[in-house]
Amino acid sequence: MLAQYSDLLFMAAVGVYVLAMVLHAAEFAVARSAKPVLVGAGGPDTVERPARGERYARMAVSLTVLGAALHTASIVARGIAAQRWPLGNMYEFTSAICLAAVVGWLVMLRRSPVTRAVGPFVLLPVVVLLFLAGTVLYAQAAPVVPALQSYWLVIHVTTITISSGLLLVPGVASVLFLVRGAGWLTDRLPSSDVLDRLAYRVTIIAFPLFTFAVIAGAIWAEAAWGRFWGWDPKETVAFVSWVIYAAYLHARATAGWRATRAAWINVAGFATVLFNLFFINMVVAGLHSYAGLG
């Protein structure tokens, strides 16, 4: 019964996220249609449309907070129903990554309200990933295989989940940085400097977590398989991701690389994270294949 409640909460969270995206889209539409009108000319007040767009934006953020609360309740209920840590299969892993992305985004929005226009572009991949999790990747709540019945599941998989979710935010910010640089959506997106700082600030938080997750995975591998590193496909791509993000942080601090070139590196890093999450987990056979994660 509790597993069913978890599924209902999951679907409710997805629905709320979608509604938040619709309100963000309405905000964009109102802002683009706003035109100066002479006061007293018989038309609407010049500040009416911008104010309406502001209301839509505030409602969208409020709904995102509500969605995150429902999403959290879904994951907690799933763990209680399965009587284990709720990161034992691709459905749970993907759901938790999306929650980490949303919470990370809300924290950054609290610290820097000027980045609010990035919200719908963060929610878009979150909704797509959650749709895939709830359909293609869905699995019934059940105990995990013996190989995953370890405290390292809590340590390694939780940190890799949080760091991967957080890295979605700078990935989106860097894509928008490049889009803005190409002359698109310049009237609605934050400035290039704001997008660059957003990508950098979240990455410097996520990268140490990702580093710890890779190290913890190596320690778990030694305990489970008798070696710290075996160039398993998942290990290899995780290492490639680590190198790319290290290169991004270095490029971000290097004159001549800290703008467009650094953004491209950051986008490449997030592409490898997604590649590892889906292609490596679901297509390539390896030592991690029994769980679809790790």
C-alpha atoms as a PDB file:
ATOM      1  CA  MET A   1       0.000   0.000   0.000  1.00  0.00           C
ATOM      2  CA  LEU A   2       2.776   2.443   0.885  1.00  0.00           C
ATOM      3  CA  ALA A   3       4.480   1.687  -2.441  1.00  0.00           C
ATOM      4  CA  GLN A   4       1.262   2.743  -4.198  1.00  0.00           C
ATOM      5  CA  TYR A   5       1.227   5.993  -2.262  1.00  0.00           C
ATOM      6  CA  SER A   6       4.837   6.525  -3.335  1.00  0.00           C
ATOM      7  CA  ASP A   7       3.840   6.079  -6.977  1.00  0.00           C
ATOM      8  CA  LEU A   8       0.913   8.496  -6.571  1.00  0.00           C
ATOM      9  CA  LEU A   9       3.169  11.085  -4.949  1.00  0.00           C
ATOM     10  CA  PHE A  10       5.665  10.612  -7.789  1.00  0.00           C
ATOM     11  CA  MET A  11       2.974  11.239 -10.418  1.00  0.00           C
ATOM     12  CA  ALA A  12       1.683  14.240  -8.472  1.00  0.00           C
ATOM     13  CA  ALA A  13       5.189  15.701  -8.338  1.00  0.00           C
ATOM     14  CA  VAL A  14       5.605  15.297 -12.095  1.00  0.00           C
ATOM     15  CA  GLY A  15       2.247  16.970 -12.685  1.00  0.00           C
ATOM     16  CA  VAL A  16       3.174  19.905 -10.452  1.00  0.00           C
ATOM     17  CA  TYR A  17       6.537  20.301 -12.211  1.00  0.00           C
ATOM     18  CA  VAL A  18       4.751  20.375 -15.573  1.00  0.00           C
ATOM     19  CA  LEU A  19       2.326  23.019 -14.303  1.00  0.00           C
ATOM     20  CA  ALA A  20       5.273  25.069 -13.044  1.00  0.00           C
ATOM     21  CA  MET A  21       6.773  24.894 -16.545  1.00  0.00           C
ATOM     22  CA  VAL A  22       3.475  26.080 -18.044  1.00  0.00           C
ATOM     23  CA  LEU A  23       3.429  29.080 -15.712  1.00  0.00           C
ATOM     24  CA  HIS A  24       7.036  29.887 -16.572  1.00  0.00           C
ATOM     25  CA  ALA A  25       6.042  29.738 -20.247  1.00  0.00           C
ATOM     26  CA  ALA A  26       3.129  32.085 -19.513  1.00  0.00           C
ATOM     27  CA  GLU A  27       5.559  34.473 -17.839  1.00  0.00           C
ATOM     28  CA  PHE A  28       7.715  34.439 -20.965  1.00  0.00           C
ATOM     29  CA  ALA A  29       4.691  35.016 -23.214  1.00  0.00           C
ATOM     30  CA  VAL A  30       3.445  37.961 -21.146  1.00  0.00           C
ATOM     31  CA  ALA A  31       6.886  39.559 -21.063  1.00  0.00           C
ATOM     32  CA  ARG A  32       7.335  39.231 -24.824  1.00  0.00           C
ATOM     33  CA  SER A  33       3.885  40.668 -25.560  1.00  0.00           C
ATOM     34  CA  ALA A  34       4.239  43.645 -23.228  1.00  0.00           C
ATOM     35  CA  LYS A  35       4.301  46.926 -25.169  1.00  0.00           C
ATOM     36  CA  PRO A  36       4.408  50.513 -23.931  1.00  0.00           C
ATOM     37  CA  VAL A  37       0.941  52.062 -23.822  1.00  0.00           C
ATOM     38  CA  LEU A  38       0.248  55.745 -23.219  1.00  0.00           C
ATOM     39  CA  VAL A  39      -1.500  56.307 -19.909  1.00  0.00           C
ATOM     40  CA  GLY A  40      -4.954  57.728 -20.555  1.00  0.00           C
ATOM     41  CA  ALA A  41      -5.064  56.497 -24.142  1.00  0.00           C
ATOM     42  CA  GLY A  42      -7.779  54.005 -23.316  1.00  0.00           C
ATOM     43  CA  GLY A  43      -5.432  51.022 -23.217  1.00  0.00           C
ATOM     44  CA  PRO A  44      -4.297  48.914 -20.263  1.00  0.00           C
ATOM     45  CA  ASP A  45      -1.845  50.252 -17.746  1.00  0.00           C
ATOM     46  CA  THR A  46       1.769  49.938 -18.881  1.00  0.00           C
ATOM     47  CA  VAL A  47       2.742  47.959 -15.765  1.00  0.00           C
ATOM     48  CA  GLU A  48      -0.184  45.494 -15.900  1.00  0.00           C
ATOM     49  CA  ARG A  49       1.446  42.896 -18.136  1.00  0.00           C
ATOM     50  CA  PRO A  50       4.844  42.865 -16.401  1.00  0.00           C
ATOM     51  CA  ALA A  51       3.050  42.547 -13.048  1.00  0.00           C
ATOM     52  CA  ARG A  52       1.031  39.635 -14.398  1.00  0.00           C
ATOM     53  CA  GLY A  53       4.234  37.990 -15.595  1.00  0.00           C
ATOM     54  CA  GLU A  54       5.734  38.453 -12.142  1.00  0.00           C
ATOM     55  CA  ARG A  55       2.740  36.705 -10.591  1.00  0.00           C
ATOM     56  CA  TYR A  56       3.121  33.795 -12.997  1.00  0.00           C
ATOM     57  CA  ALA A  57       6.791  33.533 -12.112  1.00  0.00           C
ATOM     58  CA  ARG A  58       6.137  33.522  -8.376  1.00  0.00           C
ATOM     59  CA  MET A  59       3.455  30.890  -8.795  1.00  0.00           C
ATOM     60  CA  ALA A  60       5.842  28.776 -10.868  1.00  0.00           C
ATOM     61  CA  VAL A  61       8.512  28.892  -8.160  1.00  0.00           C
ATOM     62  CA  SER A  62       5.945  28.083  -5.464  1.00  0.00           C
ATOM     63  CA  LEU A  63       4.754  25.087  -7.464  1.00  0.00           C
ATOM     64  CA  THR A  64       8.341  23.938  -7.918  1.00  0.00           C
ATOM     65  CA  VAL A  65       8.764  23.977  -4.141  1.00  0.00           C
ATOM     66  CA  LEU A  66       5.530  22.000  -3.777  1.00  0.00           C
ATOM     67  CA  GLY A  67       6.697  19.534  -6.411  1.00  0.00           C
ATOM     68  CA  ALA A  68       9.981  19.045  -4.568  1.00  0.00           C
ATOM     69  CA  ALA A  69       8.085  18.338  -1.332  1.00  0.00           C
ATOM     70  CA  LEU A  70       5.869  15.750  -3.050  1.00  0.00           C
ATOM     71  CA  HIS A  71       8.909  14.287  -4.764  1.00  0.00           C
ATOM     72  CA  THR A  72      10.747  13.930  -1.454  1.00  0.00           C
ATOM     73  CA  ALA A  73       7.722  12.257   0.133  1.00  0.00           C
ATOM     74  CA  SER A  74       7.584   9.830  -2.790  1.00  0.00           C
ATOM     75  CA  ILE A  75      11.199   8.766  -2.290  1.00  0.00           C
ATOM     76  CA  VAL A  76      10.798   8.441   1.491  1.00  0.00           C
ATOM     77  CA  ALA A  77       7.647   6.349   1.097  1.00  0.00           C
ATOM     78  CA  ARG A  78       9.419   4.159  -1.446  1.00  0.00           C
ATOM     79  CA  GLY A  79      12.247   3.474   0.971  1.00  0.00           C
ATOM     80  CA  ILE A  80       9.869   2.611   3.818  1.00  0.00           C
ATOM     81  CA  ALA A  81       7.802   0.350   1.553  1.00  0.00           C
ATOM     82  CA  ALA A  82      10.874  -1.522   0.313  1.00  0.00           C
ATOM     83  CA  GLN A  83      12.507  -1.465   3.799  1.00  0.00           C
ATOM     84  CA  ARG A  84      15.846  -0.332   2.360  1.00  0.00           C
ATOM     85  CA  TRP A  85      17.681   2.738   1.105  1.00  0.00           C
ATOM     86  CA  PRO A  86      15.623   3.924  -1.910  1.00  0.00           C
ATOM     87  CA  LEU A  87      18.445   3.850  -4.467  1.00  0.00           C
ATOM     88  CA  GLY A  88      18.393   0.250  -5.621  1.00  0.00           C
ATOM     89  CA  ASN A  89      17.376   0.485  -9.287  1.00  0.00           C
ATOM     90  CA  MET A  90      17.330   2.874 -12.226  1.00  0.00           C
ATOM     91  CA  TYR A  91      13.832   4.179 -11.449  1.00  0.00           C
ATOM     92  CA  GLU A  92      14.825   5.229  -7.933  1.00  0.00           C
ATOM     93  CA  PHE A  93      18.253   6.461  -9.043  1.00  0.00           C
ATOM     94  CA  THR A  94      16.824   8.703 -11.778  1.00  0.00           C
ATOM     95  CA  SER A  95      14.079  10.026  -9.498  1.00  0.00           C
ATOM     96  CA  ALA A  96      16.622  10.957  -6.823  1.00  0.00           C
ATOM     97  CA  ILE A  97      18.910  12.647  -9.374  1.00  0.00           C
ATOM     98  CA  CYS A  98      16.002  14.828 -10.509  1.00  0.00           C
ATOM     99  CA  LEU A  99      15.133  15.747  -6.916  1.00  0.00           C
ATOM    100  CA  ALA A 100      18.755  16.739  -6.271  1.00  0.00           C
ATOM    101  CA  ALA A 101      18.658  18.925  -9.393  1.00  0.00           C
ATOM    102  CA  VAL A 102      15.424  20.656  -8.340  1.00  0.00           C
ATOM    103  CA  VAL A 103      16.552  21.235  -4.747  1.00  0.00           C
ATOM    104  CA  GLY A 104      19.937  22.485  -5.928  1.00  0.00           C
ATOM    105  CA  TRP A 105      18.216  24.862  -8.312  1.00  0.00           C
ATOM    106  CA  LEU A 106      15.887  26.184  -5.601  1.00  0.00           C
ATOM    107  CA  VAL A 107      18.831  26.803  -3.255  1.00  0.00           C
ATOM    108  CA  MET A 108      20.697  28.743  -5.951  1.00  0.00           C
ATOM    109  CA  LEU A 109      17.518  30.677  -6.785  1.00  0.00           C
ATOM    110  CA  ARG A 110      17.218  31.656  -3.131  1.00  0.00           C
ATOM    111  CA  ARG A 111      20.777  32.965  -3.190  1.00  0.00           C
ATOM    112  CA  SER A 112      20.492  34.645  -6.586  1.00  0.00           C
ATOM    113  CA  PRO A 113      16.909  35.569  -7.585  1.00  0.00           C
ATOM    114  CA  VAL A 114      18.123  37.084 -10.847  1.00  0.00           C
ATOM    115  CA  THR A 115      18.579  33.542 -12.196  1.00  0.00           C
ATOM    116  CA  ARG A 116      14.841  32.777 -11.995  1.00  0.00           C
ATOM    117  CA  ALA A 117      14.467  32.792 -15.790  1.00  0.00           C
ATOM    118  CA  VAL A 118      16.636  29.659 -15.909  1.00  0.00           C
ATOM    119  CA  GLY A 119      13.926  27.735 -14.006  1.00  0.00           C
ATOM    120  CA  PRO A 120      11.910  26.351 -16.937  1.00  0.00           C
ATOM    121  CA  PHE A 121      15.081  25.138 -18.632  1.00  0.00           C
ATOM    122  CA  VAL A 122      16.041  23.230 -15.489  1.00  0.00           C
ATOM    123  CA  LEU A 123      12.557  21.764 -15.155  1.00  0.00           C
ATOM    124  CA  LEU A 124      12.446  20.595 -18.784  1.00  0.00           C
ATOM    125  CA  PRO A 125      15.145  17.874 -18.498  1.00  0.00           C
ATOM    126  CA  VAL A 126      13.837  17.012 -15.030  1.00  0.00           C
ATOM    127  CA  VAL A 127      10.344  16.349 -16.409  1.00  0.00           C
ATOM    128  CA  VAL A 128      11.745  14.329 -19.327  1.00  0.00           C
ATOM    129  CA  LEU A 129      13.903  12.205 -17.008  1.00  0.00           C
ATOM    130  CA  LEU A 130      11.020  11.664 -14.590  1.00  0.00           C
ATOM    131  CA  PHE A 131       8.761  10.601 -17.451  1.00  0.00           C
ATOM    132  CA  LEU A 132      11.349   8.029 -18.501  1.00  0.00           C
ATOM    133  CA  ALA A 133      11.755   6.912 -14.887  1.00  0.00           C
ATOM    134  CA  GLY A 134       8.026   6.442 -14.423  1.00  0.00           C
ATOM    135  CA  THR A 135       7.554   4.520 -17.669  1.00  0.00           C
ATOM    136  CA  VAL A 136      10.564   2.807 -19.251  1.00  0.00           C
ATOM    137  CA  LEU A 137      12.636   2.520 -16.064  1.00  0.00           C
ATOM    138  CA  TYR A 138       9.895   1.825 -13.531  1.00  0.00           C
ATOM    139  CA  ALA A 139      10.400  -1.106 -11.150  1.00  0.00           C
ATOM    140  CA  GLN A 140       8.254  -2.430  -8.335  1.00  0.00           C
ATOM    141  CA  ALA A 141       9.457  -1.791  -4.772  1.00  0.00           C
ATOM    142  CA  ALA A 142      11.436  -4.878  -3.750  1.00  0.00           C
ATOM    143  CA  PRO A 143      14.629  -5.883  -1.923  1.00  0.00           C
ATOM    144  CA  VAL A 144      17.899  -5.332  -3.765  1.00  0.00           C
ATOM    145  CA  VAL A 145      20.212  -8.108  -4.932  1.00  0.00           C
ATOM    146  CA  PRO A 146      22.712  -9.369  -2.314  1.00  0.00           C
ATOM    147  CA  ALA A 147      25.626  -7.510  -3.927  1.00  0.00           C
ATOM    148  CA  LEU A 148      23.916  -4.203  -3.103  1.00  0.00           C
ATOM    149  CA  GLN A 149      23.097  -5.044   0.506  1.00  0.00           C
ATOM    150  CA  SER A 150      25.966  -2.967   1.819  1.00  0.00           C
ATOM    151  CA  TYR A 151      26.372   0.317   3.663  1.00  0.00           C
ATOM    152  CA  TRP A 152      28.428   1.438   0.660  1.00  0.00           C
ATOM    153  CA  LEU A 153      25.157   1.666  -1.254  1.00  0.00           C
ATOM    154  CA  VAL A 154      24.174   4.525   1.048  1.00  0.00           C
ATOM    155  CA  ILE A 155      27.576   6.226   0.829  1.00  0.00           C
ATOM    156  CA  HIS A 156      28.605   5.751  -2.804  1.00  0.00           C
ATOM    157  CA  VAL A 157      25.270   5.791  -4.622  1.00  0.00           C
ATOM    158  CA  THR A 158      23.853   8.659  -2.560  1.00  0.00           C
ATOM    159  CA  THR A 159      26.846  10.922  -3.222  1.00  0.00           C
ATOM    160  CA  ILE A 160      26.953  10.052  -6.926  1.00  0.00           C
ATOM    161  CA  THR A 161      23.202  10.752  -7.106  1.00  0.00           C
ATOM    162  CA  ILE A 162      23.424  14.147  -5.401  1.00  0.00           C
ATOM    163  CA  SER A 163      26.457  15.243  -7.411  1.00  0.00           C
ATOM    164  CA  SER A 164      24.934  14.089 -10.719  1.00  0.00           C
ATOM    165  CA  GLY A 165      21.707  15.935  -9.952  1.00  0.00           C
ATOM    166  CA  LEU A 166      23.543  19.100  -9.001  1.00  0.00           C
ATOM    167  CA  LEU A 167      25.601  18.938 -12.204  1.00  0.00           C
ATOM    168  CA  LEU A 168      22.388  19.176 -14.220  1.00  0.00           C
ATOM    169  CA  VAL A 169      22.037  22.818 -13.138  1.00  0.00           C
ATOM    170  CA  PRO A 170      25.442  24.045 -14.423  1.00  0.00           C
ATOM    171  CA  GLY A 171      24.950  21.921 -17.539  1.00  0.00           C
ATOM    172  CA  VAL A 172      21.741  23.804 -18.310  1.00  0.00           C
ATOM    173  CA  ALA A 173      23.317  27.147 -17.362  1.00  0.00           C
ATOM    174  CA  SER A 174      26.238  26.562 -19.742  1.00  0.00           C
ATOM    175  CA  VAL A 175      23.900  25.570 -22.576  1.00  0.00           C
ATOM    176  CA  LEU A 176      21.934  28.787 -22.008  1.00  0.00           C
ATOM    177  CA  PHE A 177      25.216  30.728 -21.900  1.00  0.00           C
ATOM    178  CA  LEU A 178      26.025  29.402 -25.379  1.00  0.00           C
ATOM    179  CA  VAL A 179      22.468  30.041 -26.604  1.00  0.00           C
ATOM    180  CA  ARG A 180      22.620  33.612 -25.361  1.00  0.00           C
ATOM    181  CA  GLY A 181      26.009  34.077 -26.970  1.00  0.00           C
ATOM    182  CA  ALA A 182      24.462  33.040 -30.280  1.00  0.00           C
ATOM    183  CA  GLY A 183      21.935  35.864 -29.947  1.00  0.00           C
ATOM    184  CA  TRP A 184      18.871  33.802 -28.944  1.00  0.00           C
ATOM    185  CA  LEU A 185      16.535  34.604 -26.027  1.00  0.00           C
ATOM    186  CA  THR A 186      18.705  37.562 -25.069  1.00  0.00           C
ATOM    187  CA  ASP A 187      15.644  39.502 -23.917  1.00  0.00           C
ATOM    188  CA  ARG A 188      14.557  36.826 -21.416  1.00  0.00           C
ATOM    189  CA  LEU A 189      17.681  35.094 -20.135  1.00  0.00           C
ATOM    190  CA  PRO A 190      19.951  36.485 -17.406  1.00  0.00           C
ATOM    191  CA  SER A 191      23.187  38.081 -18.561  1.00  0.00           C
ATOM    192  CA  SER A 192      26.086  35.923 -19.705  1.00  0.00           C
ATOM    193  CA  ASP A 193      27.995  36.781 -16.523  1.00  0.00           C
ATOM    194  CA  VAL A 194      25.112  35.571 -14.343  1.00  0.00           C
ATOM    195  CA  LEU A 195      24.829  32.291 -16.263  1.00  0.00           C
ATOM    196  CA  ASP A 196      28.597  31.778 -16.104  1.00  0.00           C
ATOM    197  CA  ARG A 197      28.668  32.370 -12.339  1.00  0.00           C
ATOM    198  CA  LEU A 198      25.706  30.042 -11.813  1.00  0.00           C
ATOM    199  CA  ALA A 199      27.438  27.232 -13.694  1.00  0.00           C
ATOM    200  CA  TYR A 200      30.699  27.765 -11.846  1.00  0.00           C
ATOM    201  CA  ARG A 201      29.251  28.062  -8.340  1.00  0.00           C
ATOM    202  CA  VAL A 202      27.208  24.873  -8.586  1.00  0.00           C
ATOM    203  CA  THR A 203      30.070  22.950 -10.183  1.00  0.00           C
ATOM    204  CA  ILE A 204      32.514  23.816  -7.394  1.00  0.00           C
ATOM    205  CA  ILE A 205      29.971  22.351  -4.951  1.00  0.00           C
ATOM    206  CA  ALA A 206      29.146  19.252  -7.009  1.00  0.00           C
ATOM    207  CA  PHE A 207      32.698  18.398  -8.106  1.00  0.00           C
ATOM    208  CA  PRO A 208      34.070  17.521  -4.612  1.00  0.00           C
ATOM    209  CA  LEU A 209      30.988  15.348  -4.027  1.00  0.00           C
ATOM    210  CA  PHE A 210      31.538  13.643  -7.371  1.00  0.00           C
ATOM    211  CA  THR A 211      35.197  13.104  -6.490  1.00  0.00           C
ATOM    212  CA  PHE A 212      34.267  11.536  -3.154  1.00  0.00           C
ATOM    213  CA  ALA A 213      31.692   9.320  -4.902  1.00  0.00           C
ATOM    214  CA  VAL A 214      34.327   8.001  -7.328  1.00  0.00           C
ATOM    215  CA  ILE A 215      36.720   7.273  -4.449  1.00  0.00           C
ATOM    216  CA  ALA A 216      33.969   5.591  -2.418  1.00  0.00           C
ATOM    217  CA  GLY A 217      33.069   3.491  -5.445  1.00  0.00           C
ATOM    218  CA  ALA A 218      36.670   2.337  -5.752  1.00  0.00           C
ATOM    219  CA  ILE A 219      36.729   1.325  -2.077  1.00  0.00           C
ATOM    220  CA  TRP A 220      33.439  -0.565  -2.479  1.00  0.00           C
ATOM    221  CA  ALA A 221      34.826  -2.273  -5.595  1.00  0.00           C
ATOM    222  CA  GLU A 222      37.854  -3.499  -3.616  1.00  0.00           C
ATOM    223  CA  ALA A 223      35.585  -4.891  -0.904  1.00  0.00           C
ATOM    224  CA  ALA A 224      33.177  -6.534  -3.387  1.00  0.00           C
ATOM    225  CA  TRP A 225      35.452  -7.590  -6.261  1.00  0.00           C
ATOM    226  CA  GLY A 226      38.942  -7.565  -4.787  1.00  0.00           C
ATOM    227  CA  ARG A 227      40.309  -4.600  -6.770  1.00  0.00           C
ATOM    228  CA  PHE A 228      40.000  -0.831  -6.527  1.00  0.00           C
ATOM    229  CA  TRP A 229      39.817  -0.199 -10.256  1.00  0.00           C
ATOM    230  CA  GLY A 230      39.230  -2.488 -13.216  1.00  0.00           C
ATOM    231  CA  TRP A 231      38.337  -0.115 -16.069  1.00  0.00           C
ATOM    232  CA  ASP A 232      34.766  -1.350 -16.047  1.00  0.00           C
ATOM    233  CA  PRO A 233      32.734   0.729 -18.577  1.00  0.00           C
ATOM    234  CA  LYS A 234      30.926   2.628 -15.821  1.00  0.00           C
ATOM    235  CA  GLU A 235      34.150   3.294 -13.945  1.00  0.00           C
ATOM    236  CA  THR A 236      35.853   4.457 -17.122  1.00  0.00           C
ATOM    237  CA  VAL A 237      33.120   6.922 -18.124  1.00  0.00           C
ATOM    238  CA  ALA A 238      32.909   8.223 -14.542  1.00  0.00           C
ATOM    239  CA  PHE A 239      36.645   8.891 -14.668  1.00  0.00           C
ATOM    240  CA  VAL A 240      36.262  10.656 -18.024  1.00  0.00           C
ATOM    241  CA  SER A 241      33.533  12.835 -16.496  1.00  0.00           C
ATOM    242  CA  TRP A 242      35.796  13.647 -13.562  1.00  0.00           C
ATOM    243  CA  VAL A 243      38.630  14.673 -15.896  1.00  0.00           C
ATOM    244  CA  ILE A 244      36.314  16.889 -17.968  1.00  0.00           C
ATOM    245  CA  TYR A 245      34.940  18.692 -14.917  1.00  0.00           C
ATOM    246  CA  ALA A 246      38.452  19.148 -13.553  1.00  0.00           C
ATOM    247  CA  ALA A 247      39.358  20.632 -16.938  1.00  0.00           C
ATOM    248  CA  TYR A 248      36.322  22.929 -16.740  1.00  0.00           C
ATOM    249  CA  LEU A 249      37.322  24.289 -13.337  1.00  0.00           C
ATOM    250  CA  HIS A 250      40.854  24.823 -14.599  1.00  0.00           C
ATOM    251  CA  ALA A 251      39.600  26.494 -17.783  1.00  0.00           C
ATOM    252  CA  ARG A 252      37.221  28.667 -15.780  1.00  0.00           C
ATOM    253  CA  ALA A 253      40.228  30.047 -13.869  1.00  0.00           C
ATOM    254  CA  THR A 254      42.372  30.522 -16.980  1.00  0.00           C
ATOM    255  CA  ALA A 255      42.365  33.781 -18.925  1.00  0.00           C
ATOM    256  CA  GLY A 256      41.039  33.285 -22.425  1.00  0.00           C
ATOM    257  CA  TRP A 257      39.131  30.112 -21.518  1.00  0.00           C
ATOM    258  CA  ARG A 258      36.763  31.269 -18.796  1.00  0.00           C
ATOM    259  CA  ALA A 259      33.850  32.159 -21.050  1.00  0.00           C
ATOM    260  CA  THR A 260      32.695  30.298 -24.166  1.00  0.00           C
ATOM    261  CA  ARG A 261      35.397  27.615 -24.160  1.00  0.00           C
ATOM    262  CA  ALA A 262      34.783  26.774 -20.510  1.00  0.00           C
ATOM    263  CA  ALA A 263      31.033  26.549 -21.183  1.00  0.00           C
ATOM    264  CA  TRP A 264      31.611  24.029 -23.961  1.00  0.00           C
ATOM    265  CA  ILE A 265      33.743  21.927 -21.606  1.00  0.00           C
ATOM    266  CA  ASN A 266      31.027  22.039 -18.968  1.00  0.00           C
ATOM    267  CA  VAL A 267      28.391  20.935 -21.482  1.00  0.00           C
ATOM    268  CA  ALA A 268      30.660  18.063 -22.534  1.00  0.00           C
ATOM    269  CA  GLY A 269      31.010  17.030 -18.895  1.00  0.00           C
ATOM    270  CA  PHE A 270      27.265  16.883 -18.390  1.00  0.00           C
ATOM    271  CA  ALA A 271      26.865  14.944 -21.644  1.00  0.00           C
ATOM    272  CA  THR A 272      29.179  12.252 -20.258  1.00  0.00           C
ATOM    273  CA  VAL A 273      27.154  12.137 -17.024  1.00  0.00           C
ATOM    274  CA  LEU A 274      23.958  11.508 -19.015  1.00  0.00           C
ATOM    275  CA  PHE A 275      25.794   8.989 -21.208  1.00  0.00           C
ATOM    276  CA  ASN A 276      26.907   7.116 -18.095  1.00  0.00           C
ATOM    277  CA  LEU A 277      23.430   7.273 -16.575  1.00  0.00           C
ATOM    278  CA  PHE A 278      21.572   5.814 -19.533  1.00  0.00           C
ATOM    279  CA  PHE A 279      23.758   4.241 -22.233  1.00  0.00           C
ATOM    280  CA  ILE A 280      26.315   2.620 -19.926  1.00  0.00           C
ATOM    281  CA  ASN A 281      23.702   1.518 -17.380  1.00  0.00           C
ATOM    282  CA  MET A 282      21.208   0.161 -19.895  1.00  0.00           C
ATOM    283  CA  VAL A 283      23.174  -0.938 -22.968  1.00  0.00           C
ATOM    284  CA  VAL A 284      26.789  -1.790 -22.140  1.00  0.00           C
ATOM    285  CA  ALA A 285      27.449  -4.957 -20.132  1.00  0.00           C
ATOM    286  CA  GLY A 286      29.798  -4.665 -17.152  1.00  0.00           C
ATOM    287  CA  LEU A 287      30.234  -5.442 -13.497  1.00  0.00           C
ATOM    288  CA  HIS A 288      27.590  -2.848 -12.635  1.00  0.00           C
ATOM    289  CA  SER A 289      24.986  -4.349 -14.964  1.00  0.00           C
ATOM    290  CA  TYR A 290      23.200  -6.373 -12.290  1.00  0.00           C
ATOM    291  CA  ALA A 291      22.020  -3.186 -10.627  1.00  0.00           C
ATOM    292  CA  GLY A 292      21.904  -0.693 -13.422  1.00  0.00           C
ATOM    293  CA  LEU A 293      23.755   1.774 -11.245  1.00  0.00           C
ATOM    294  CA  GLY A 294      26.801   2.194  -9.074  1.00  0.00           C
END
